[in-house]
Amino acid sequence: YGAKVRAPHALVMTFLFKGGSLREKLKAIAQATYTHSRNLAYFVFTYKGLMALQSRLQGKKIPFHSFFAACIGGWLVFGDNNPINSQIIMYLLSRILFGLSRLAVEKGYIPQPKQDPFPLVAALIWGTVLWLFEYHRHTLQPSLQSSMTYLYDDSNTWHDISDFLIYNKRTDK
């Protein structure tokens, strides 16, 4: 599964934003794919093993088991702050925030919105990320910085239509 989701992403991002020879790019794609796949495999093995152990020790499965097993697995497998782990954690965080907000409505902790809150969330997210990009760029994750630099800085200068179809940074001198 890790290879299935990481390889296409690594391929596109590497060829769009990384320099170097074809060999170096292919090596970077393979390394990112391997790291993502290995980490997911280690995590699943750790999580499922700890779930089985807890269930066996307590004679049944309880909700806290999944939280505890995932915390241990997350610490051991995804605790190293590297670009792959960082991206996975950010991906999960966004989905967790949506899930927790839906759960809060479902449980009655917050009222069901009368209007779809998504447009407001979208506005606040885009407002915040562009403010961070313009005034505190260093706080953003490097791949987000690269994407935003391409979209908002590099697009200020263009040479011909190939800038829009390929990449708008000239490498020739």
N, C-alpha and C. Protein backbone atom coordinates (compact mmCIF):
# COMPACT_ATOMS: atom_id res chain seq x y z
N TYR A 1 0.83 -1.19 0.00
CA TYR A 1 0.00 0.00 0.00
C TYR A 1 0.87 1.26 0.00
N GLY A 2 1.94 1.26 0.81
CA GLY A 2 2.82 2.43 0.87
C GLY A 2 3.42 2.75 -0.49
N ALA A 3 3.82 1.70 -1.22
CA ALA A 3 4.39 1.90 -2.55
C ALA A 3 3.34 2.44 -3.51
N LYS A 4 2.12 1.93 -3.37
CA LYS A 4 1.03 2.34 -4.25
C LYS A 4 0.71 3.83 -4.12
N VAL A 5 0.78 4.36 -2.90
CA VAL A 5 0.45 5.77 -2.71
C VAL A 5 1.68 6.68 -2.83
N ARG A 6 2.86 6.19 -2.43
CA ARG A 6 4.04 7.04 -2.42
C ARG A 6 4.71 7.15 -3.79
N ALA A 7 4.82 6.07 -4.53
CA ALA A 7 5.57 6.10 -5.79
C ALA A 7 5.05 7.16 -6.77
N PRO A 8 3.74 7.23 -7.03
CA PRO A 8 3.28 8.27 -7.97
C PRO A 8 3.53 9.69 -7.44
N HIS A 9 3.32 9.88 -6.14
CA HIS A 9 3.56 11.20 -5.54
C HIS A 9 5.04 11.57 -5.65
N ALA A 10 5.91 10.64 -5.29
CA ALA A 10 7.35 10.90 -5.34
C ALA A 10 7.80 11.16 -6.78
N LEU A 11 7.24 10.44 -7.72
CA LEU A 11 7.59 10.62 -9.13
C LEU A 11 7.28 12.05 -9.58
N VAL A 12 6.06 12.48 -9.32
CA VAL A 12 5.64 13.81 -9.75
C VAL A 12 6.45 14.90 -9.03
N MET A 13 6.53 14.81 -7.71
CA MET A 13 7.22 15.86 -6.94
C MET A 13 8.71 15.92 -7.29
N THR A 14 9.32 14.78 -7.49
CA THR A 14 10.75 14.75 -7.81
C THR A 14 11.02 15.39 -9.16
N PHE A 15 10.23 15.04 -10.16
CA PHE A 15 10.47 15.61 -11.48
C PHE A 15 10.05 17.07 -11.58
N LEU A 16 9.11 17.50 -10.75
CA LEU A 16 8.72 18.91 -10.77
C LEU A 16 9.69 19.80 -10.01
N PHE A 17 10.15 19.34 -8.84
CA PHE A 17 10.83 20.26 -7.93
C PHE A 17 12.27 19.92 -7.58
N LYS A 18 12.78 18.76 -7.95
CA LYS A 18 14.15 18.40 -7.57
C LYS A 18 15.07 18.49 -8.76
N GLY A 19 16.29 18.90 -8.47
CA GLY A 19 17.30 18.93 -9.50
C GLY A 19 18.07 17.61 -9.49
N GLY A 20 19.06 17.53 -10.34
CA GLY A 20 19.91 16.35 -10.37
C GLY A 20 19.70 15.52 -11.61
N SER A 21 20.53 14.51 -11.73
CA SER A 21 20.46 13.63 -12.89
C SER A 21 19.26 12.71 -12.81
N LEU A 22 18.97 12.06 -13.92
CA LEU A 22 17.88 11.09 -13.95
C LEU A 22 18.13 9.99 -12.93
N ARG A 23 19.35 9.54 -12.82
CA ARG A 23 19.71 8.49 -11.86
C ARG A 23 19.44 8.94 -10.42
N GLU A 24 19.82 10.18 -10.09
CA GLU A 24 19.58 10.72 -8.75
C GLU A 24 18.08 10.85 -8.46
N LYS A 25 17.34 11.26 -9.46
CA LYS A 25 15.89 11.40 -9.29
C LYS A 25 15.24 10.03 -9.06
N LEU A 26 15.63 9.05 -9.85
CA LEU A 26 15.07 7.70 -9.68
C LEU A 26 15.44 7.12 -8.33
N LYS A 27 16.66 7.40 -7.88
CA LYS A 27 17.09 6.93 -6.55
C LYS A 27 16.25 7.59 -5.45
N ALA A 28 15.97 8.89 -5.58
CA ALA A 28 15.16 9.61 -4.59
C ALA A 28 13.73 9.05 -4.56
N ILE A 29 13.18 8.75 -5.73
CA ILE A 29 11.83 8.18 -5.81
C ILE A 29 11.80 6.82 -5.12
N ALA A 30 12.79 5.99 -5.43
CA ALA A 30 12.86 4.65 -4.82
C ALA A 30 13.02 4.75 -3.30
N GLN A 31 13.86 5.67 -2.84
CA GLN A 31 14.09 5.82 -1.40
C GLN A 31 12.83 6.29 -0.67
N ALA A 32 12.14 7.27 -1.24
CA ALA A 32 10.91 7.76 -0.62
C ALA A 32 9.85 6.66 -0.58
N THR A 33 9.73 5.93 -1.67
CA THR A 33 8.75 4.84 -1.74
C THR A 33 9.09 3.75 -0.73
N TYR A 34 10.36 3.39 -0.65
CA TYR A 34 10.79 2.36 0.31
C TYR A 34 10.52 2.79 1.75
N THR A 35 10.90 4.03 2.09
CA THR A 35 10.72 4.54 3.45
C THR A 35 9.25 4.55 3.84
N HIS A 36 8.41 5.06 2.96
CA HIS A 36 6.97 5.12 3.24
C HIS A 36 6.41 3.70 3.43
N SER A 37 6.74 2.81 2.53
CA SER A 37 6.24 1.44 2.60
C SER A 37 6.73 0.72 3.85
N ARG A 38 8.02 0.85 4.15
CA ARG A 38 8.59 0.21 5.33
C ARG A 38 7.94 0.74 6.60
N ASN A 39 7.78 2.04 6.71
CA ASN A 39 7.19 2.61 7.91
C ASN A 39 5.75 2.16 8.11
N LEU A 40 4.98 2.13 7.04
CA LEU A 40 3.61 1.64 7.18
C LEU A 40 3.59 0.18 7.60
N ALA A 41 4.45 -0.63 7.01
CA ALA A 41 4.51 -2.05 7.38
C ALA A 41 4.91 -2.22 8.84
N TYR A 42 5.93 -1.51 9.28
CA TYR A 42 6.36 -1.58 10.69
C TYR A 42 5.23 -1.14 11.62
N PHE A 43 4.55 -0.07 11.24
CA PHE A 43 3.48 0.43 12.09
C PHE A 43 2.34 -0.59 12.19
N VAL A 44 1.90 -1.13 11.07
CA VAL A 44 0.80 -2.09 11.09
C VAL A 44 1.18 -3.31 11.93
N PHE A 45 2.39 -3.80 11.74
CA PHE A 45 2.85 -4.96 12.52
C PHE A 45 2.86 -4.63 14.02
N THR A 46 3.39 -3.48 14.37
CA THR A 46 3.45 -3.07 15.79
C THR A 46 2.04 -2.90 16.36
N TYR A 47 1.20 -2.19 15.64
CA TYR A 47 -0.17 -1.93 16.10
C TYR A 47 -0.94 -3.23 16.29
N LYS A 48 -0.94 -4.07 15.28
CA LYS A 48 -1.71 -5.31 15.37
C LYS A 48 -1.14 -6.24 16.44
N GLY A 49 0.17 -6.26 16.58
CA GLY A 49 0.78 -7.07 17.63
C GLY A 49 0.41 -6.60 19.02
N LEU A 50 0.45 -5.28 19.23
CA LEU A 50 0.07 -4.73 20.53
C LEU A 50 -1.42 -4.89 20.80
N MET A 51 -2.24 -4.80 19.76
CA MET A 51 -3.68 -5.03 19.94
C MET A 51 -3.93 -6.46 20.38
N ALA A 52 -3.27 -7.42 19.74
CA ALA A 52 -3.46 -8.83 20.09
C ALA A 52 -2.95 -9.11 21.50
N LEU A 53 -1.81 -8.53 21.85
CA LEU A 53 -1.24 -8.73 23.19
C LEU A 53 -2.17 -8.18 24.27
N GLN A 54 -2.67 -6.97 24.08
CA GLN A 54 -3.57 -6.37 25.08
C GLN A 54 -4.86 -7.17 25.21
N SER A 55 -5.40 -7.59 24.09
CA SER A 55 -6.63 -8.37 24.12
C SER A 55 -6.43 -9.69 24.84
N ARG A 56 -5.30 -10.32 24.60
CA ARG A 56 -4.99 -11.59 25.26
C ARG A 56 -4.80 -11.39 26.76
N LEU A 57 -4.09 -10.32 27.13
CA LEU A 57 -3.83 -10.07 28.55
C LEU A 57 -5.10 -9.71 29.32
N GLN A 58 -6.01 -8.98 28.68
CA GLN A 58 -7.22 -8.53 29.38
C GLN A 58 -8.44 -9.39 29.05
N GLY A 59 -8.28 -10.33 28.16
CA GLY A 59 -9.38 -11.24 27.83
C GLY A 59 -10.41 -10.67 26.89
N LYS A 60 -10.27 -9.41 26.51
CA LYS A 60 -11.20 -8.79 25.56
C LYS A 60 -10.56 -7.53 24.98
N LYS A 61 -11.17 -7.06 23.92
CA LYS A 61 -10.71 -5.83 23.26
C LYS A 61 -11.51 -4.66 23.83
N ILE A 62 -10.81 -3.61 24.25
CA ILE A 62 -11.48 -2.41 24.74
C ILE A 62 -10.99 -1.20 23.94
N PRO A 63 -11.79 -0.12 23.86
CA PRO A 63 -11.42 1.03 23.02
C PRO A 63 -10.04 1.62 23.32
N PHE A 64 -9.63 1.63 24.57
CA PHE A 64 -8.32 2.21 24.90
C PHE A 64 -7.18 1.45 24.23
N HIS A 65 -7.36 0.17 23.96
CA HIS A 65 -6.30 -0.64 23.35
C HIS A 65 -5.82 -0.03 22.04
N SER A 66 -6.77 0.38 21.19
CA SER A 66 -6.36 0.92 19.89
C SER A 66 -5.58 2.22 20.05
N PHE A 67 -6.03 3.07 20.96
CA PHE A 67 -5.32 4.33 21.21
C PHE A 67 -3.90 4.06 21.71
N PHE A 68 -3.78 3.18 22.71
CA PHE A 68 -2.48 2.88 23.30
C PHE A 68 -1.54 2.23 22.28
N ALA A 69 -2.03 1.23 21.56
CA ALA A 69 -1.20 0.54 20.57
C ALA A 69 -0.73 1.50 19.48
N ALA A 70 -1.63 2.38 19.03
CA ALA A 70 -1.27 3.34 17.99
C ALA A 70 -0.29 4.39 18.51
N CYS A 71 -0.43 4.80 19.76
CA CYS A 71 0.52 5.75 20.35
C CYS A 71 1.93 5.14 20.38
N ILE A 72 2.02 3.90 20.84
CA ILE A 72 3.33 3.24 20.89
C ILE A 72 3.90 3.08 19.48
N GLY A 73 3.08 2.60 18.56
CA GLY A 73 3.53 2.45 17.17
C GLY A 73 3.92 3.77 16.55
N GLY A 74 3.12 4.81 16.80
CA GLY A 74 3.43 6.13 16.26
C GLY A 74 4.75 6.66 16.79
N TRP A 75 5.00 6.45 18.07
CA TRP A 75 6.25 6.91 18.68
C TRP A 75 7.44 6.16 18.08
N LEU A 76 7.32 4.84 18.02
CA LEU A 76 8.44 4.02 17.54
C LEU A 76 8.71 4.17 16.04
N VAL A 77 7.65 4.20 15.25
CA VAL A 77 7.81 4.16 13.80
C VAL A 77 7.84 5.55 13.18
N PHE A 78 6.96 6.42 13.61
CA PHE A 78 6.85 7.74 12.98
C PHE A 78 7.42 8.87 13.83
N GLY A 79 8.13 8.54 14.90
CA GLY A 79 8.68 9.56 15.79
C GLY A 79 9.88 10.30 15.23
N ASP A 80 10.52 9.76 14.21
CA ASP A 80 11.66 10.43 13.58
C ASP A 80 11.13 11.54 12.67
N ASN A 81 11.56 12.77 12.90
CA ASN A 81 11.07 13.90 12.12
C ASN A 81 11.82 13.97 10.79
N ASN A 82 11.26 13.33 9.78
CA ASN A 82 11.84 13.36 8.43
C ASN A 82 10.73 13.72 7.44
N PRO A 83 11.07 14.04 6.21
CA PRO A 83 10.03 14.50 5.27
C PRO A 83 8.89 13.49 5.04
N ILE A 84 9.19 12.22 4.98
CA ILE A 84 8.14 11.22 4.75
C ILE A 84 7.19 11.17 5.94
N ASN A 85 7.76 11.01 7.15
CA ASN A 85 6.92 10.95 8.35
C ASN A 85 6.14 12.23 8.55
N SER A 86 6.77 13.34 8.29
CA SER A 86 6.10 14.63 8.44
C SER A 86 4.88 14.71 7.54
N GLN A 87 5.03 14.29 6.30
CA GLN A 87 3.90 14.35 5.37
C GLN A 87 2.77 13.42 5.81
N ILE A 88 3.12 12.23 6.27
CA ILE A 88 2.09 11.29 6.73
C ILE A 88 1.34 11.87 7.94
N ILE A 89 2.09 12.45 8.88
CA ILE A 89 1.46 13.02 10.07
C ILE A 89 0.55 14.19 9.70
N MET A 90 0.99 15.05 8.78
CA MET A 90 0.14 16.16 8.35
C MET A 90 -1.12 15.66 7.66
N TYR A 91 -0.98 14.62 6.84
CA TYR A 91 -2.14 14.02 6.17
C TYR A 91 -3.14 13.53 7.22
N LEU A 92 -2.63 12.81 8.22
CA LEU A 92 -3.52 12.29 9.26
C LEU A 92 -4.15 13.41 10.09
N LEU A 93 -3.38 14.44 10.41
CA LEU A 93 -3.90 15.53 11.23
C LEU A 93 -5.12 16.17 10.59
N SER A 94 -5.05 16.44 9.31
CA SER A 94 -6.19 17.08 8.64
C SER A 94 -7.43 16.20 8.69
N ARG A 95 -7.25 14.91 8.52
CA ARG A 95 -8.39 14.00 8.55
C ARG A 95 -8.93 13.82 9.97
N ILE A 96 -8.04 13.85 10.94
CA ILE A 96 -8.45 13.75 12.34
C ILE A 96 -9.30 14.96 12.73
N LEU A 97 -8.89 16.15 12.33
CA LEU A 97 -9.65 17.35 12.68
C LEU A 97 -11.05 17.30 12.09
N PHE A 98 -11.17 16.84 10.84
CA PHE A 98 -12.50 16.69 10.24
C PHE A 98 -13.30 15.62 10.98
N GLY A 99 -12.65 14.49 11.29
CA GLY A 99 -13.34 13.41 11.99
C GLY A 99 -13.80 13.82 13.37
N LEU A 100 -12.95 14.51 14.11
CA LEU A 100 -13.32 14.95 15.46
C LEU A 100 -14.46 15.98 15.43
N SER A 101 -14.45 16.84 14.43
CA SER A 101 -15.54 17.82 14.35
C SER A 101 -16.86 17.12 14.02
N ARG A 102 -16.82 16.12 13.15
CA ARG A 102 -18.04 15.36 12.84
C ARG A 102 -18.51 14.59 14.07
N LEU A 103 -17.57 14.01 14.82
CA LEU A 103 -17.91 13.26 16.03
C LEU A 103 -18.53 14.18 17.08
N ALA A 104 -17.98 15.40 17.21
CA ALA A 104 -18.51 16.36 18.18
C ALA A 104 -19.97 16.72 17.86
N VAL A 105 -20.29 16.84 16.58
CA VAL A 105 -21.68 17.11 16.18
C VAL A 105 -22.53 15.88 16.45
N GLU A 106 -22.03 14.72 16.06
CA GLU A 106 -22.77 13.47 16.25
C GLU A 106 -23.10 13.21 17.73
N LYS A 107 -22.15 13.51 18.61
CA LYS A 107 -22.35 13.28 20.05
C LYS A 107 -23.11 14.41 20.73
N GLY A 108 -23.36 15.50 20.00
CA GLY A 108 -24.11 16.61 20.57
C GLY A 108 -23.26 17.59 21.36
N TYR A 109 -21.94 17.49 21.26
CA TYR A 109 -21.06 18.43 21.96
C TYR A 109 -21.11 19.82 21.33
N ILE A 110 -21.30 19.85 20.03
CA ILE A 110 -21.52 21.11 19.33
C ILE A 110 -22.76 20.93 18.46
N PRO A 111 -23.51 22.00 18.24
CA PRO A 111 -24.75 21.86 17.46
C PRO A 111 -24.46 21.62 15.98
N GLN A 112 -25.39 20.96 15.34
CA GLN A 112 -25.31 20.77 13.89
C GLN A 112 -25.35 22.16 13.23
N PRO A 113 -24.35 22.47 12.42
CA PRO A 113 -24.37 23.80 11.77
C PRO A 113 -25.59 23.95 10.86
N LYS A 114 -26.12 25.15 10.84
CA LYS A 114 -27.28 25.44 9.99
C LYS A 114 -26.86 25.53 8.53
N GLN A 115 -25.62 25.94 8.31
CA GLN A 115 -25.06 26.03 6.96
C GLN A 115 -23.80 25.17 6.93
N ASP A 116 -23.42 24.77 5.74
CA ASP A 116 -22.19 24.01 5.56
C ASP A 116 -21.00 24.87 5.99
N PRO A 117 -20.21 24.42 6.98
CA PRO A 117 -19.08 25.22 7.44
C PRO A 117 -17.86 25.15 6.52
N PHE A 118 -17.91 24.28 5.51
CA PHE A 118 -16.73 24.08 4.66
C PHE A 118 -16.23 25.37 3.99
N PRO A 119 -17.09 26.22 3.43
CA PRO A 119 -16.56 27.45 2.82
C PRO A 119 -15.78 28.33 3.81
N LEU A 120 -16.25 28.42 5.05
CA LEU A 120 -15.54 29.20 6.06
C LEU A 120 -14.20 28.55 6.40
N VAL A 121 -14.20 27.22 6.55
CA VAL A 121 -12.95 26.49 6.84
C VAL A 121 -11.96 26.71 5.70
N ALA A 122 -12.42 26.58 4.46
CA ALA A 122 -11.55 26.78 3.30
C ALA A 122 -10.96 28.19 3.30
N ALA A 123 -11.79 29.19 3.57
CA ALA A 123 -11.31 30.57 3.59
C ALA A 123 -10.25 30.78 4.67
N LEU A 124 -10.50 30.26 5.86
CA LEU A 124 -9.54 30.43 6.97
C LEU A 124 -8.24 29.68 6.70
N ILE A 125 -8.33 28.51 6.13
CA ILE A 125 -7.11 27.74 5.83
C ILE A 125 -6.27 28.45 4.78
N TRP A 126 -6.91 28.87 3.69
CA TRP A 126 -6.15 29.57 2.65
C TRP A 126 -5.61 30.91 3.13
N GLY A 127 -6.40 31.63 3.91
CA GLY A 127 -5.92 32.89 4.47
C GLY A 127 -4.70 32.68 5.35
N THR A 128 -4.76 31.67 6.19
CA THR A 128 -3.65 31.39 7.11
C THR A 128 -2.40 30.93 6.38
N VAL A 129 -2.56 30.00 5.42
CA VAL A 129 -1.37 29.47 4.76
C VAL A 129 -0.68 30.53 3.91
N LEU A 130 -1.45 31.39 3.26
CA LEU A 130 -0.81 32.45 2.46
C LEU A 130 -0.19 33.52 3.33
N TRP A 131 -0.77 33.79 4.47
CA TRP A 131 -0.16 34.74 5.42
C TRP A 131 1.16 34.15 5.92
N LEU A 132 1.15 32.88 6.28
CA LEU A 132 2.40 32.23 6.72
C LEU A 132 3.43 32.25 5.59
N PHE A 133 2.98 31.94 4.37
CA PHE A 133 3.92 31.92 3.24
C PHE A 133 4.53 33.30 2.99
N GLU A 134 3.73 34.33 3.05
CA GLU A 134 4.23 35.67 2.77
C GLU A 134 5.10 36.25 3.89
N TYR A 135 4.79 35.93 5.14
CA TYR A 135 5.46 36.60 6.25
C TYR A 135 6.26 35.70 7.19
N HIS A 136 6.01 34.41 7.14
CA HIS A 136 6.73 33.47 8.02
C HIS A 136 6.99 32.17 7.27
N ARG A 137 7.51 32.29 6.07
CA ARG A 137 7.70 31.16 5.15
C ARG A 137 8.46 30.01 5.78
N HIS A 138 9.44 30.32 6.59
CA HIS A 138 10.29 29.29 7.19
C HIS A 138 9.51 28.33 8.09
N THR A 139 8.31 28.71 8.51
CA THR A 139 7.54 27.85 9.40
C THR A 139 6.79 26.75 8.64
N LEU A 140 6.70 26.88 7.33
CA LEU A 140 5.97 25.89 6.53
C LEU A 140 6.87 24.73 6.15
N GLN A 141 6.25 23.59 5.95
CA GLN A 141 6.99 22.40 5.55
C GLN A 141 7.68 22.65 4.21
N PRO A 142 8.91 22.14 4.02
CA PRO A 142 9.68 22.42 2.80
C PRO A 142 8.96 22.13 1.48
N SER A 143 8.24 21.02 1.38
CA SER A 143 7.57 20.73 0.10
C SER A 143 6.43 21.72 -0.15
N LEU A 144 5.76 22.18 0.90
CA LEU A 144 4.73 23.20 0.73
C LEU A 144 5.38 24.52 0.32
N GLN A 145 6.51 24.84 0.92
CA GLN A 145 7.24 26.05 0.52
C GLN A 145 7.59 25.99 -0.96
N SER A 146 8.08 24.83 -1.41
CA SER A 146 8.46 24.67 -2.83
C SER A 146 7.26 24.87 -3.74
N SER A 147 6.16 24.24 -3.40
CA SER A 147 4.95 24.37 -4.24
C SER A 147 4.48 25.81 -4.27
N MET A 148 4.47 26.46 -3.12
CA MET A 148 3.97 27.83 -3.06
C MET A 148 4.93 28.80 -3.72
N THR A 149 6.22 28.55 -3.62
CA THR A 149 7.21 29.38 -4.31
C THR A 149 6.98 29.30 -5.81
N TYR A 150 6.76 28.09 -6.30
CA TYR A 150 6.48 27.88 -7.73
C TYR A 150 5.23 28.65 -8.14
N LEU A 151 4.17 28.54 -7.34
CA LEU A 151 2.89 29.16 -7.71
C LEU A 151 2.87 30.68 -7.55
N TYR A 152 3.48 31.20 -6.48
CA TYR A 152 3.30 32.60 -6.14
C TYR A 152 4.52 33.48 -6.38
N ASP A 153 5.71 32.89 -6.45
CA ASP A 153 6.90 33.69 -6.72
C ASP A 153 7.41 33.49 -8.14
N ASP A 154 7.65 32.22 -8.51
CA ASP A 154 8.21 31.94 -9.83
C ASP A 154 7.26 32.37 -10.95
N SER A 155 5.97 32.41 -10.67
CA SER A 155 5.01 32.80 -11.70
C SER A 155 5.05 34.29 -12.02
N ASN A 156 5.83 35.05 -11.27
CA ASN A 156 5.96 36.48 -11.56
C ASN A 156 6.77 36.74 -12.82
N THR A 157 7.57 35.74 -13.22
CA THR A 157 8.39 35.87 -14.42
C THR A 157 8.14 34.67 -15.31
N TRP A 158 7.94 34.93 -16.59
CA TRP A 158 7.79 33.82 -17.51
C TRP A 158 8.41 34.18 -18.84
N HIS A 159 8.79 33.14 -19.58
CA HIS A 159 9.53 33.32 -20.81
C HIS A 159 8.71 32.97 -22.05
N ASP A 160 8.00 31.87 -21.98
CA ASP A 160 7.13 31.44 -23.07
C ASP A 160 6.14 30.41 -22.53
N ILE A 161 5.35 29.82 -23.40
CA ILE A 161 4.29 28.91 -22.97
C ILE A 161 4.84 27.68 -22.24
N SER A 162 6.09 27.31 -22.50
CA SER A 162 6.66 26.13 -21.84
C SER A 162 6.77 26.34 -20.33
N ASP A 163 6.81 27.60 -19.89
CA ASP A 163 6.83 27.87 -18.45
C ASP A 163 5.58 27.33 -17.76
N PHE A 164 4.46 27.33 -18.47
CA PHE A 164 3.21 26.85 -17.90
C PHE A 164 3.01 25.35 -18.09
N LEU A 165 3.69 24.80 -19.07
CA LEU A 165 3.51 23.38 -19.38
C LEU A 165 4.56 22.49 -18.72
N ILE A 166 5.74 23.04 -18.47
CA ILE A 166 6.83 22.22 -17.92
C ILE A 166 7.23 22.76 -16.55
N TYR A 167 8.00 23.80 -16.53
CA TYR A 167 8.47 24.39 -15.29
C TYR A 167 9.03 25.75 -15.61
N ASN A 168 8.76 26.76 -14.82
CA ASN A 168 9.14 28.11 -15.20
C ASN A 168 10.45 28.60 -14.57
N LYS A 169 11.34 27.70 -14.24
CA LYS A 169 12.68 28.09 -13.80
C LYS A 169 13.65 27.67 -14.88
N ARG A 170 14.33 28.62 -15.44
CA ARG A 170 15.31 28.31 -16.49
C ARG A 170 16.58 27.78 -15.85
N THR A 171 17.09 26.70 -16.41
CA THR A 171 18.36 26.16 -15.91
C THR A 171 19.52 26.56 -16.79
N ASP A 172 19.23 27.05 -18.04
CA ASP A 172 20.31 27.49 -18.90
C ASP A 172 20.82 28.85 -18.47
N LYS A 173 22.09 29.10 -18.75
CA LYS A 173 22.70 30.36 -18.28
C LYS A 173 22.92 31.31 -19.40
